[in-house]
């Protein structure tokens, strides 16, 4: 049950700092262009460009709306560890932003133009149309863009020459695990037989592997751990903890401890890696099947 709920959570990259900054920037630029294009065709008497007091109101409202969006995204980022969001929750969060700004616009319009509260519904509906175009559309475009980028930057098996490599591969054996950062640049290539485990560190991961000289090395790059888990489903690379993915072929001992289980990789410099309840069933099933 816990595993099923986890799969419904929104992708972690949607709440990453770079993604939120990019979304706000793109939405602001899109809204400015839309504002310039749409105002000449608008029937609103105070939402105007030009040399007038209404232009000041327009600028202040635009800046206020931007601050609301920025504040909302900051809260979304700061609460990413303590407030998990499903995709529905993420969409609802963004919808609430649009609704709040449209409500603010409606109240200002009635206050400035003295149209009376009887005109609340038509004004709110009209602002909702403009708000959806100026915010919802750039949100959707930005989400699609970062989704594509995330898929491009996943860690995956492929036939490719080494960039940073643990060793020269023997002839006929060029299948390696290649690691890409969030810019789509390949940073590390390592044989799966030399890979021990990967550890999450905020938006980065630490990769622990053995080099050609038999020495334990660690490599750090910017990449969400979730993408690794999705790329290697069904392989010996398995998630055992919120922070860890382990190469099960390297596990020497599965040990029962007070709080559950831990994995011992048989290396003095690598502490036993804990297995949390969420992933315990998968780890035990793997041992039952392979050992």
C-alpha atoms as a PDB file:
ATOM      1  CA  UNK A   1       0.000   0.000   0.000  1.00  0.00           C
ATOM      2  CA  UNK A   2       2.792   2.418   0.915  1.00  0.00           C
ATOM      3  CA  UNK A   3       4.597   1.678  -2.338  1.00  0.00           C
ATOM      4  CA  UNK A   4       1.436   2.356  -4.351  1.00  0.00           C
ATOM      5  CA  UNK A   5       0.970   5.735  -2.722  1.00  0.00           C
ATOM      6  CA  UNK A   6       4.581   6.672  -3.414  1.00  0.00           C
ATOM      7  CA  UNK A   7       4.152   6.146  -7.129  1.00  0.00           C
ATOM      8  CA  UNK A   8       1.379   8.740  -7.215  1.00  0.00           C
ATOM      9  CA  UNK A   9       3.647  11.527  -5.966  1.00  0.00           C
ATOM     10  CA  UNK A  10       4.638  14.240  -8.395  1.00  0.00           C
ATOM     11  CA  UNK A  11       8.116  13.994  -9.966  1.00  0.00           C
ATOM     12  CA  UNK A  12      10.751  15.584  -7.752  1.00  0.00           C
ATOM     13  CA  UNK A  13      12.135  17.738 -10.568  1.00  0.00           C
ATOM     14  CA  UNK A  14       8.896  19.778 -10.633  1.00  0.00           C
ATOM     15  CA  UNK A  15       9.795  21.184  -7.200  1.00  0.00           C
ATOM     16  CA  UNK A  16      13.506  21.611  -7.862  1.00  0.00           C
ATOM     17  CA  UNK A  17      14.877  25.132  -7.483  1.00  0.00           C
ATOM     18  CA  UNK A  18      16.058  25.479 -11.090  1.00  0.00           C
ATOM     19  CA  UNK A  19      12.662  24.311 -12.388  1.00  0.00           C
ATOM     20  CA  UNK A  20      10.674  26.726 -10.218  1.00  0.00           C
ATOM     21  CA  UNK A  21      12.914  29.660 -11.141  1.00  0.00           C
ATOM     22  CA  UNK A  22      12.603  28.769 -14.816  1.00  0.00           C
ATOM     23  CA  UNK A  23       8.820  28.436 -14.580  1.00  0.00           C
ATOM     24  CA  UNK A  24       8.386  31.811 -12.847  1.00  0.00           C
ATOM     25  CA  UNK A  25      10.717  33.538 -15.313  1.00  0.00           C
ATOM     26  CA  UNK A  26       8.974  32.066 -18.336  1.00  0.00           C
ATOM     27  CA  UNK A  27       5.504  32.836 -16.912  1.00  0.00           C
ATOM     28  CA  UNK A  28       6.532  36.463 -16.229  1.00  0.00           C
ATOM     29  CA  UNK A  29       7.875  36.975 -19.759  1.00  0.00           C
ATOM     30  CA  UNK A  30       4.860  35.246 -21.303  1.00  0.00           C
ATOM     31  CA  UNK A  31       2.469  37.388 -19.240  1.00  0.00           C
ATOM     32  CA  UNK A  32       4.224  40.620 -20.235  1.00  0.00           C
ATOM     33  CA  UNK A  33       3.929  39.770 -23.927  1.00  0.00           C
ATOM     34  CA  UNK A  34       0.308  38.714 -23.493  1.00  0.00           C
ATOM     35  CA  UNK A  35      -0.435  41.912 -21.547  1.00  0.00           C
ATOM     36  CA  UNK A  36       0.994  44.129 -24.277  1.00  0.00           C
ATOM     37  CA  UNK A  37      -0.878  42.269 -27.012  1.00  0.00           C
ATOM     38  CA  UNK A  38      -4.233  41.954 -25.241  1.00  0.00           C
ATOM     39  CA  UNK A  39      -4.685  45.346 -23.572  1.00  0.00           C
ATOM     40  CA  UNK A  40      -5.699  47.184 -26.782  1.00  0.00           C
ATOM     41  CA  UNK A  41      -8.536  44.676 -27.186  1.00  0.00           C
ATOM     42  CA  UNK A  42      -9.551  44.661 -23.528  1.00  0.00           C
ATOM     43  CA  UNK A  43     -12.786  46.287 -22.338  1.00  0.00           C
ATOM     44  CA  UNK A  44     -11.341  47.037 -18.900  1.00  0.00           C
ATOM     45  CA  UNK A  45     -11.238  50.790 -18.256  1.00  0.00           C
ATOM     46  CA  UNK A  46      -8.319  50.757 -15.813  1.00  0.00           C
ATOM     47  CA  UNK A  47      -6.043  48.001 -17.107  1.00  0.00           C
ATOM     48  CA  UNK A  48      -4.129  50.178 -19.586  1.00  0.00           C
ATOM     49  CA  UNK A  49      -0.759  51.107 -21.015  1.00  0.00           C
ATOM     50  CA  UNK A  50       0.253  54.716 -21.561  1.00  0.00           C
ATOM     51  CA  UNK A  51       0.680  57.911 -19.613  1.00  0.00           C
ATOM     52  CA  UNK A  52      -2.116  57.773 -17.062  1.00  0.00           C
ATOM     53  CA  UNK A  53      -2.834  56.913 -13.440  1.00  0.00           C
ATOM     54  CA  UNK A  54      -4.406  53.659 -14.654  1.00  0.00           C
ATOM     55  CA  UNK A  55      -1.073  52.635 -16.122  1.00  0.00           C
ATOM     56  CA  UNK A  56       0.384  52.914 -12.614  1.00  0.00           C
ATOM     57  CA  UNK A  57      -2.402  50.655 -11.314  1.00  0.00           C
ATOM     58  CA  UNK A  58      -1.620  48.188 -14.098  1.00  0.00           C
ATOM     59  CA  UNK A  59       2.091  48.104 -13.254  1.00  0.00           C
ATOM     60  CA  UNK A  60       1.432  47.727  -9.524  1.00  0.00           C
ATOM     61  CA  UNK A  61      -1.020  44.894 -10.132  1.00  0.00           C
ATOM     62  CA  UNK A  62       1.437  43.112 -12.452  1.00  0.00           C
ATOM     63  CA  UNK A  63       4.246  43.410  -9.885  1.00  0.00           C
ATOM     64  CA  UNK A  64       1.940  42.297  -7.092  1.00  0.00           C
ATOM     65  CA  UNK A  65       0.873  39.246  -9.096  1.00  0.00           C
ATOM     66  CA  UNK A  66       4.506  38.364  -9.769  1.00  0.00           C
ATOM     67  CA  UNK A  67       5.313  38.602  -6.061  1.00  0.00           C
ATOM     68  CA  UNK A  68       2.382  36.302  -5.272  1.00  0.00           C
ATOM     69  CA  UNK A  69       3.665  33.714  -7.753  1.00  0.00           C
ATOM     70  CA  UNK A  70       7.232  33.981  -6.438  1.00  0.00           C
ATOM     71  CA  UNK A  71       6.063  33.626  -2.821  1.00  0.00           C
ATOM     72  CA  UNK A  72       3.967  30.600  -3.756  1.00  0.00           C
ATOM     73  CA  UNK A  73       6.880  28.887  -5.511  1.00  0.00           C
ATOM     74  CA  UNK A  74       9.238  29.638  -2.611  1.00  0.00           C
ATOM     75  CA  UNK A  75       6.798  27.976  -0.210  1.00  0.00           C
ATOM     76  CA  UNK A  76       6.441  25.031  -2.607  1.00  0.00           C
ATOM     77  CA  UNK A  77      10.227  24.615  -2.680  1.00  0.00           C
ATOM     78  CA  UNK A  78      10.801  25.092   1.070  1.00  0.00           C
ATOM     79  CA  UNK A  79       8.125  22.526   1.975  1.00  0.00           C
ATOM     80  CA  UNK A  80       9.247  19.862  -0.517  1.00  0.00           C
ATOM     81  CA  UNK A  81      10.672  17.647   2.270  1.00  0.00           C
ATOM     82  CA  UNK A  82       7.779  17.917   4.715  1.00  0.00           C
ATOM     83  CA  UNK A  83       4.783  18.261   2.387  1.00  0.00           C
ATOM     84  CA  UNK A  84       4.703  15.608  -0.365  1.00  0.00           C
ATOM     85  CA  UNK A  85       2.466  16.498  -3.309  1.00  0.00           C
ATOM     86  CA  UNK A  86       0.655  14.273  -5.755  1.00  0.00           C
ATOM     87  CA  UNK A  87       0.269  15.465  -9.327  1.00  0.00           C
ATOM     88  CA  UNK A  88      -3.307  16.453  -8.477  1.00  0.00           C
ATOM     89  CA  UNK A  89      -2.024  18.451  -5.503  1.00  0.00           C
ATOM     90  CA  UNK A  90       0.581  20.160  -7.692  1.00  0.00           C
ATOM     91  CA  UNK A  91      -2.035  21.126 -10.281  1.00  0.00           C
ATOM     92  CA  UNK A  92      -4.401  22.295  -7.532  1.00  0.00           C
ATOM     93  CA  UNK A  93      -1.634  24.443  -6.033  1.00  0.00           C
ATOM     94  CA  UNK A  94      -1.114  26.216  -9.372  1.00  0.00           C
ATOM     95  CA  UNK A  95      -4.858  26.586  -9.931  1.00  0.00           C
ATOM     96  CA  UNK A  96      -5.157  28.268  -6.522  1.00  0.00           C
ATOM     97  CA  UNK A  97      -2.484  30.757  -7.582  1.00  0.00           C
ATOM     98  CA  UNK A  98      -4.525  31.689 -10.652  1.00  0.00           C
ATOM     99  CA  UNK A  99      -7.777  31.892  -8.677  1.00  0.00           C
ATOM    100  CA  UNK A 100      -6.216  34.090  -5.983  1.00  0.00           C
ATOM    101  CA  UNK A 101      -4.768  36.541  -8.529  1.00  0.00           C
ATOM    102  CA  UNK A 102      -8.086  36.648 -10.419  1.00  0.00           C
ATOM    103  CA  UNK A 103      -9.933  37.306  -7.172  1.00  0.00           C
ATOM    104  CA  UNK A 104      -7.535  40.145  -6.372  1.00  0.00           C
ATOM    105  CA  UNK A 105      -8.023  41.583  -9.856  1.00  0.00           C
ATOM    106  CA  UNK A 106     -11.824  41.421  -9.500  1.00  0.00           C
ATOM    107  CA  UNK A 107     -11.790  43.218  -6.145  1.00  0.00           C
ATOM    108  CA  UNK A 108      -9.474  45.935  -7.488  1.00  0.00           C
ATOM    109  CA  UNK A 109     -11.598  46.405 -10.601  1.00  0.00           C
ATOM    110  CA  UNK A 110     -14.787  46.863  -8.580  1.00  0.00           C
ATOM    111  CA  UNK A 111     -13.017  49.227  -6.167  1.00  0.00           C
ATOM    112  CA  UNK A 112     -11.400  51.354  -8.872  1.00  0.00           C
ATOM    113  CA  UNK A 113     -14.291  51.546 -11.340  1.00  0.00           C
ATOM    114  CA  UNK A 114     -17.173  51.646  -8.811  1.00  0.00           C
ATOM    115  CA  UNK A 115     -19.115  49.071 -10.845  1.00  0.00           C
ATOM    116  CA  UNK A 116     -20.714  47.551  -7.757  1.00  0.00           C
ATOM    117  CA  UNK A 117     -20.534  44.045  -6.344  1.00  0.00           C
ATOM    118  CA  UNK A 118     -23.331  42.934  -8.619  1.00  0.00           C
ATOM    119  CA  UNK A 119     -20.751  42.781 -11.407  1.00  0.00           C
ATOM    120  CA  UNK A 120     -18.459  40.464  -9.410  1.00  0.00           C
ATOM    121  CA  UNK A 121     -19.240  37.259 -11.331  1.00  0.00           C
ATOM    122  CA  UNK A 122     -18.805  38.597 -14.902  1.00  0.00           C
ATOM    123  CA  UNK A 123     -15.613  40.447 -13.949  1.00  0.00           C
ATOM    124  CA  UNK A 124     -14.213  37.394 -12.168  1.00  0.00           C
ATOM    125  CA  UNK A 125     -15.077  35.121 -15.090  1.00  0.00           C
ATOM    126  CA  UNK A 126     -13.404  37.515 -17.534  1.00  0.00           C
ATOM    127  CA  UNK A 127     -10.283  37.722 -15.360  1.00  0.00           C
ATOM    128  CA  UNK A 128     -10.236  33.937 -15.089  1.00  0.00           C
ATOM    129  CA  UNK A 129      -9.992  33.668 -18.871  1.00  0.00           C
ATOM    130  CA  UNK A 130      -7.069  36.097 -18.982  1.00  0.00           C
ATOM    131  CA  UNK A 131      -5.451  34.538 -15.909  1.00  0.00           C
ATOM    132  CA  UNK A 132      -5.625  31.060 -17.387  1.00  0.00           C
ATOM    133  CA  UNK A 133      -3.971  32.215 -20.599  1.00  0.00           C
ATOM    134  CA  UNK A 134      -1.250  34.283 -18.923  1.00  0.00           C
ATOM    135  CA  UNK A 135      -0.349  31.772 -16.161  1.00  0.00           C
ATOM    136  CA  UNK A 136      -1.765  28.306 -16.806  1.00  0.00           C
ATOM    137  CA  UNK A 137      -0.444  28.095 -20.369  1.00  0.00           C
ATOM    138  CA  UNK A 138       3.181  29.000 -19.471  1.00  0.00           C
ATOM    139  CA  UNK A 139       2.963  26.606 -16.486  1.00  0.00           C
ATOM    140  CA  UNK A 140       1.935  23.784 -18.806  1.00  0.00           C
ATOM    141  CA  UNK A 141       4.613  24.622 -21.394  1.00  0.00           C
ATOM    142  CA  UNK A 142       7.314  24.863 -18.701  1.00  0.00           C
ATOM    143  CA  UNK A 143       6.188  21.556 -17.166  1.00  0.00           C
ATOM    144  CA  UNK A 144       6.344  19.813 -20.532  1.00  0.00           C
ATOM    145  CA  UNK A 145       9.786  21.257 -21.240  1.00  0.00           C
ATOM    146  CA  UNK A 146      11.261  20.138 -17.908  1.00  0.00           C
ATOM    147  CA  UNK A 147       9.618  16.734 -18.281  1.00  0.00           C
ATOM    148  CA  UNK A 148      11.375  16.263 -21.625  1.00  0.00           C
ATOM    149  CA  UNK A 149      14.665  17.479 -20.161  1.00  0.00           C
ATOM    150  CA  UNK A 150      14.321  15.088 -17.225  1.00  0.00           C
ATOM    151  CA  UNK A 151      13.768  12.145 -19.552  1.00  0.00           C
ATOM    152  CA  UNK A 152      16.803  13.148 -21.605  1.00  0.00           C
ATOM    153  CA  UNK A 153      19.002  13.414 -18.528  1.00  0.00           C
ATOM    154  CA  UNK A 154      18.176  10.090 -16.870  1.00  0.00           C
ATOM    155  CA  UNK A 155      20.873   7.611 -16.060  1.00  0.00           C
ATOM    156  CA  UNK A 156      20.644   4.704 -18.432  1.00  0.00           C
ATOM    157  CA  UNK A 157      22.430   1.746 -19.979  1.00  0.00           C
ATOM    158  CA  UNK A 158      23.892   2.484 -23.394  1.00  0.00           C
ATOM    159  CA  UNK A 159      26.822   1.644 -25.656  1.00  0.00           C
ATOM    160  CA  UNK A 160      29.140   4.632 -25.486  1.00  0.00           C
ATOM    161  CA  UNK A 161      32.778   5.545 -24.993  1.00  0.00           C
ATOM    162  CA  UNK A 162      33.939   6.612 -21.554  1.00  0.00           C
ATOM    163  CA  UNK A 163      34.192  10.147 -20.228  1.00  0.00           C
ATOM    164  CA  UNK A 164      35.296   9.391 -16.681  1.00  0.00           C
ATOM    165  CA  UNK A 165      35.707   5.636 -16.629  1.00  0.00           C
ATOM    166  CA  UNK A 166      36.682   3.046 -14.043  1.00  0.00           C
ATOM    167  CA  UNK A 167      38.643   0.973 -16.568  1.00  0.00           C
ATOM    168  CA  UNK A 168      39.177   0.142 -20.227  1.00  0.00           C
ATOM    169  CA  UNK A 169      36.593  -2.451 -21.222  1.00  0.00           C
ATOM    170  CA  UNK A 170      37.639  -5.758 -22.690  1.00  0.00           C
ATOM    171  CA  UNK A 171      36.806  -6.333 -26.375  1.00  0.00           C
ATOM    172  CA  UNK A 172      33.171  -7.148 -27.007  1.00  0.00           C
ATOM    173  CA  UNK A 173      32.056  -5.814 -23.624  1.00  0.00           C
ATOM    174  CA  UNK A 174      31.140  -2.121 -24.002  1.00  0.00           C
ATOM    175  CA  UNK A 175      27.918  -2.005 -21.990  1.00  0.00           C
ATOM    176  CA  UNK A 176      28.334   0.502 -19.195  1.00  0.00           C
ATOM    177  CA  UNK A 177      26.254   2.602 -16.861  1.00  0.00           C
ATOM    178  CA  UNK A 178      26.461   6.207 -17.977  1.00  0.00           C
ATOM    179  CA  UNK A 179      25.501   9.145 -15.805  1.00  0.00           C
ATOM    180  CA  UNK A 180      24.204  12.456 -17.128  1.00  0.00           C
ATOM    181  CA  UNK A 181      23.768  15.704 -15.244  1.00  0.00           C
ATOM    182  CA  UNK A 182      20.770  18.039 -15.551  1.00  0.00           C
ATOM    183  CA  UNK A 183      22.419  19.763 -18.516  1.00  0.00           C
ATOM    184  CA  UNK A 184      22.335  16.544 -20.523  1.00  0.00           C
ATOM    185  CA  UNK A 185      26.134  16.174 -20.411  1.00  0.00           C
ATOM    186  CA  UNK A 186      27.547  12.732 -19.708  1.00  0.00           C
ATOM    187  CA  UNK A 187      29.749  12.913 -16.619  1.00  0.00           C
ATOM    188  CA  UNK A 188      30.616   9.357 -15.610  1.00  0.00           C
ATOM    189  CA  UNK A 189      30.743   5.933 -17.215  1.00  0.00           C
ATOM    190  CA  UNK A 190      31.285   2.866 -15.061  1.00  0.00           C
ATOM    191  CA  UNK A 191      30.825  -0.884 -15.372  1.00  0.00           C
ATOM    192  CA  UNK A 192      27.939  -2.179 -13.300  1.00  0.00           C
ATOM    193  CA  UNK A 193      30.256  -4.769 -11.742  1.00  0.00           C
ATOM    194  CA  UNK A 194      32.316  -1.909 -10.233  1.00  0.00           C
ATOM    195  CA  UNK A 195      29.376   0.146  -8.973  1.00  0.00           C
ATOM    196  CA  UNK A 196      28.511  -0.151  -5.257  1.00  0.00           C
ATOM    197  CA  UNK A 197      25.729   2.305  -4.470  1.00  0.00           C
ATOM    198  CA  UNK A 198      24.329   5.785  -5.081  1.00  0.00           C
ATOM    199  CA  UNK A 199      23.356   8.270  -2.399  1.00  0.00           C
ATOM    200  CA  UNK A 200      20.997  11.236  -2.697  1.00  0.00           C
ATOM    201  CA  UNK A 201      22.208  14.625  -1.473  1.00  0.00           C
ATOM    202  CA  UNK A 202      19.434  17.156  -2.100  1.00  0.00           C
ATOM    203  CA  UNK A 203      19.390  17.621  -5.919  1.00  0.00           C
ATOM    204  CA  UNK A 204      22.707  15.810  -6.304  1.00  0.00           C
ATOM    205  CA  UNK A 205      23.790  12.190  -6.099  1.00  0.00           C
ATOM    206  CA  UNK A 206      27.032  10.629  -4.901  1.00  0.00           C
ATOM    207  CA  UNK A 207      28.130   7.571  -6.863  1.00  0.00           C
ATOM    208  CA  UNK A 208      30.419   5.117  -5.067  1.00  0.00           C
ATOM    209  CA  UNK A 209      32.412   2.854  -7.376  1.00  0.00           C
ATOM    210  CA  UNK A 210      35.703   0.966  -7.667  1.00  0.00           C
ATOM    211  CA  UNK A 211      38.302   2.260 -10.108  1.00  0.00           C
ATOM    212  CA  UNK A 212      40.699   0.242 -12.253  1.00  0.00           C
ATOM    213  CA  UNK A 213      43.211   0.102  -9.414  1.00  0.00           C
ATOM    214  CA  UNK A 214      40.707  -1.374  -6.987  1.00  0.00           C
ATOM    215  CA  UNK A 215      40.331   1.871  -5.041  1.00  0.00           C
ATOM    216  CA  UNK A 216      36.939   3.084  -3.848  1.00  0.00           C
ATOM    217  CA  UNK A 217      35.989   6.385  -5.491  1.00  0.00           C
ATOM    218  CA  UNK A 218      33.066   8.773  -5.144  1.00  0.00           C
ATOM    219  CA  UNK A 219      31.697  10.960  -7.931  1.00  0.00           C
ATOM    220  CA  UNK A 220      29.105  13.706  -7.427  1.00  0.00           C
ATOM    221  CA  UNK A 221      26.776  15.131 -10.046  1.00  0.00           C
ATOM    222  CA  UNK A 222      23.506  17.012 -10.281  1.00  0.00           C
ATOM    223  CA  UNK A 223      20.769  14.486 -11.020  1.00  0.00           C
ATOM    224  CA  UNK A 224      17.633  13.368  -9.111  1.00  0.00           C
ATOM    225  CA  UNK A 225      17.884   9.901  -7.569  1.00  0.00           C
ATOM    226  CA  UNK A 226      14.332   9.155  -8.724  1.00  0.00           C
ATOM    227  CA  UNK A 227      15.429   9.037 -12.363  1.00  0.00           C
ATOM    228  CA  UNK A 228      17.943   6.315 -11.562  1.00  0.00           C
ATOM    229  CA  UNK A 229      15.305   4.209  -9.862  1.00  0.00           C
ATOM    230  CA  UNK A 230      12.975   4.493 -12.853  1.00  0.00           C
ATOM    231  CA  UNK A 231      15.744   3.736 -15.366  1.00  0.00           C
ATOM    232  CA  UNK A 232      16.894   0.499 -13.731  1.00  0.00           C
ATOM    233  CA  UNK A 233      13.636  -1.180 -12.746  1.00  0.00           C
ATOM    234  CA  UNK A 234      14.107  -4.941 -12.861  1.00  0.00           C
ATOM    235  CA  UNK A 235      17.920  -4.763 -12.664  1.00  0.00           C
ATOM    236  CA  UNK A 236      20.309  -5.377  -9.772  1.00  0.00           C
ATOM    237  CA  UNK A 237      20.240  -1.640  -8.959  1.00  0.00           C
ATOM    238  CA  UNK A 238      17.468  -1.292  -6.379  1.00  0.00           C
ATOM    239  CA  UNK A 239      16.121   1.432  -4.135  1.00  0.00           C
ATOM    240  CA  UNK A 240      16.355   0.406  -0.487  1.00  0.00           C
ATOM    241  CA  UNK A 241      15.942   3.779   1.208  1.00  0.00           C
ATOM    242  CA  UNK A 242      14.834   7.327   0.482  1.00  0.00           C
ATOM    243  CA  UNK A 243      18.513   8.226   0.055  1.00  0.00           C
ATOM    244  CA  UNK A 244      20.058   5.052  -1.366  1.00  0.00           C
ATOM    245  CA  UNK A 245      20.104   2.863  -4.459  1.00  0.00           C
ATOM    246  CA  UNK A 246      22.320  -0.217  -4.066  1.00  0.00           C
ATOM    247  CA  UNK A 247      23.874  -2.604  -6.558  1.00  0.00           C
ATOM    248  CA  UNK A 248      22.469  -5.836  -5.117  1.00  0.00           C
ATOM    249  CA  UNK A 249      25.236  -7.849  -6.792  1.00  0.00           C
ATOM    250  CA  UNK A 250      27.647  -6.170  -4.365  1.00  0.00           C
ATOM    251  CA  UNK A 251      25.682  -7.048  -1.225  1.00  0.00           C
ATOM    252  CA  UNK A 252      27.489  -9.634   0.895  1.00  0.00           C
ATOM    253  CA  UNK A 253      25.094  -9.821   3.861  1.00  0.00           C
ATOM    254  CA  UNK A 254      21.442  -8.994   4.438  1.00  0.00           C
ATOM    255  CA  UNK A 255      21.309  -8.423   8.178  1.00  0.00           C
ATOM    256  CA  UNK A 256      18.261  -8.245  10.462  1.00  0.00           C
ATOM    257  CA  UNK A 257      18.578  -5.371  12.908  1.00  0.00           C
ATOM    258  CA  UNK A 258      16.349  -3.752  15.501  1.00  0.00           C
ATOM    259  CA  UNK A 259      14.639  -1.351  13.094  1.00  0.00           C
ATOM    260  CA  UNK A 260      14.410  -3.731  10.130  1.00  0.00           C
ATOM    261  CA  UNK A 261      17.216  -4.760   7.779  1.00  0.00           C
ATOM    262  CA  UNK A 262      20.531  -3.442   6.542  1.00  0.00           C
ATOM    263  CA  UNK A 263      22.779  -4.304   3.593  1.00  0.00           C
ATOM    264  CA  UNK A 264      26.469  -5.004   4.147  1.00  0.00           C
ATOM    265  CA  UNK A 265      28.587  -4.536   1.005  1.00  0.00           C
ATOM    266  CA  UNK A 266      31.650  -6.194   2.519  1.00  0.00           C
ATOM    267  CA  UNK A 267      33.824  -3.071   2.309  1.00  0.00           C
ATOM    268  CA  UNK A 268      35.297  -1.672   5.523  1.00  0.00           C
ATOM    269  CA  UNK A 269      34.961   1.936   4.394  1.00  0.00           C
ATOM    270  CA  UNK A 270      31.279   1.540   3.461  1.00  0.00           C
ATOM    271  CA  UNK A 271      28.896   1.511   6.409  1.00  0.00           C
ATOM    272  CA  UNK A 272      25.921  -0.893   6.273  1.00  0.00           C
ATOM    273  CA  UNK A 273      23.087   0.676   4.292  1.00  0.00           C
ATOM    274  CA  UNK A 274      19.636   0.673   5.925  1.00  0.00           C
ATOM    275  CA  UNK A 275      16.528  -0.785   4.307  1.00  0.00           C
ATOM    276  CA  UNK A 276      13.334   1.098   5.128  1.00  0.00           C
ATOM    277  CA  UNK A 277       9.881  -0.444   5.427  1.00  0.00           C
ATOM    278  CA  UNK A 278       8.796   1.066   2.098  1.00  0.00           C
ATOM    279  CA  UNK A 279      11.380  -0.952   0.160  1.00  0.00           C
ATOM    280  CA  UNK A 280      11.785  -3.940   2.467  1.00  0.00           C
ATOM    281  CA  UNK A 281       9.437  -6.253   0.537  1.00  0.00           C
ATOM    282  CA  UNK A 282      11.235  -5.621  -2.773  1.00  0.00           C
ATOM    283  CA  UNK A 283      14.668  -6.256  -1.251  1.00  0.00           C
ATOM    284  CA  UNK A 284      13.561  -9.489   0.438  1.00  0.00           C
ATOM    285  CA  UNK A 285      11.880 -10.644  -2.767  1.00  0.00           C
ATOM    286  CA  UNK A 286      15.104 -10.072  -4.684  1.00  0.00           C
ATOM    287  CA  UNK A 287      17.067 -12.204  -2.208  1.00  0.00           C
ATOM    288  CA  UNK A 288      14.456 -14.944  -2.318  1.00  0.00           C
ATOM    289  CA  UNK A 289      14.663 -15.029  -6.113  1.00  0.00           C
ATOM    290  CA  UNK A 290      18.442 -14.840  -6.553  1.00  0.00           C
ATOM    291  CA  UNK A 291      19.943 -16.526  -3.501  1.00  0.00           C
END
